[in-house]
Amino acid sequence: MRWCDDGKETFVKLVKNFTNLKKVKFEPADKKDCTEGHKLFKKEIEFFINKIKKCHKAEEDYESRIESCSNDHMFE
């Protein structure tokens, strides 16, 4: 199934606004569907997913630092 332009735009908005996604699998139905527009759409989705992953990693690192500074953790 090919993505229509409205579907692409809606999905990109979803990925931009809802950062709970961590992974999106994106494969063409067959080789003839690999048009330039398809490749650009895939790159755009990968960009936003990588950005979300970096934010999640930063949040995890921050929480880990906060936990390591807690009194309970220091006295264990």
Protein backbone atom coordinates (compact mmCIF):
# COMPACT_ATOMS: atom_id res chain seq x y z
CA MET A 1 0.00 0.00 0.00
CA ARG A 2 1.37 3.39 -0.92
CA TRP A 3 1.25 6.41 1.35
CA CYS A 4 -0.81 9.30 0.07
CA ASP A 5 0.43 12.83 0.69
CA ASP A 6 -2.20 13.49 3.36
CA GLY A 7 -1.29 10.25 5.12
CA LYS A 8 2.40 11.15 5.10
CA GLU A 9 1.71 14.61 6.48
CA THR A 10 -0.56 13.24 9.22
CA PHE A 11 1.96 10.59 10.24
CA VAL A 12 4.80 13.14 10.43
CA LYS A 13 2.62 15.37 12.64
CA LEU A 14 1.90 12.37 14.86
CA VAL A 15 5.59 11.57 15.25
CA LYS A 16 6.43 15.21 15.97
CA ASN A 17 3.77 15.62 18.65
CA PHE A 18 3.58 12.24 20.36
CA THR A 19 7.00 11.27 21.65
CA ASN A 20 6.09 7.89 23.14
CA LEU A 21 7.18 6.07 20.00
CA LYS A 22 10.61 4.50 20.16
CA LYS A 23 10.74 2.52 16.96
CA VAL A 24 9.01 2.66 13.60
CA LYS A 25 9.57 -0.08 11.05
CA PHE A 26 9.37 1.30 7.56
CA GLU A 27 9.65 -0.97 4.54
CA PRO A 28 8.38 -0.57 1.00
CA ALA A 29 5.80 -3.06 -0.20
CA ASP A 30 8.08 -3.93 -3.10
CA LYS A 31 11.11 -2.49 -4.87
CA LYS A 32 9.13 -0.50 -7.43
CA ASP A 33 7.59 1.54 -4.57
CA CYS A 34 11.03 2.96 -3.67
CA THR A 35 10.52 6.33 -5.29
CA GLU A 36 12.41 9.47 -4.31
CA GLY A 37 9.39 10.68 -2.33
CA HIS A 38 9.29 7.39 -0.46
CA LYS A 39 12.98 7.68 0.44
CA LEU A 40 12.55 11.26 1.66
CA PHE A 41 9.54 10.27 3.77
CA LYS A 42 11.52 7.42 5.31
CA LYS A 43 14.44 9.76 6.12
CA GLU A 44 12.06 12.27 7.69
CA ILE A 45 10.50 9.61 9.92
CA GLU A 46 13.93 8.25 10.89
CA PHE A 47 15.06 11.78 11.80
CA PHE A 48 12.16 12.33 14.18
CA ILE A 49 12.42 8.86 15.73
CA ASN A 50 16.15 9.39 16.37
CA LYS A 51 15.36 12.76 17.93
CA ILE A 52 12.78 11.10 20.21
CA LYS A 53 15.29 8.39 21.17
CA LYS A 54 17.85 11.03 22.14
CA CYS A 55 15.29 12.80 24.31
CA HIS A 56 14.36 9.52 26.02
CA LYS A 57 18.03 8.72 26.62
CA ALA A 58 18.62 12.20 28.09
CA GLU A 59 15.62 11.76 30.41
CA GLU A 60 16.89 8.35 31.54
CA ASP A 61 20.37 9.77 32.20
CA TYR A 62 18.88 12.67 34.15
CA GLU A 63 16.74 10.33 36.28
CA SER A 64 19.75 8.13 36.91
CA ARG A 65 21.80 11.13 38.09
CA ILE A 66 18.99 12.28 40.36
CA GLU A 67 18.69 8.77 41.80
CA SER A 68 22.44 8.56 42.41
CA CYS A 69 22.31 11.81 44.38
CA SER A 70 19.46 10.74 46.65
CA ASN A 71 20.15 10.19 50.33
CA ASP A 72 18.92 6.61 50.18
CA HIS A 73 21.32 5.76 47.40
CA MET A 74 24.28 7.46 49.06
CA PHE A 75 23.84 5.55 52.33
CA GLU A 76 23.44 2.12 50.75
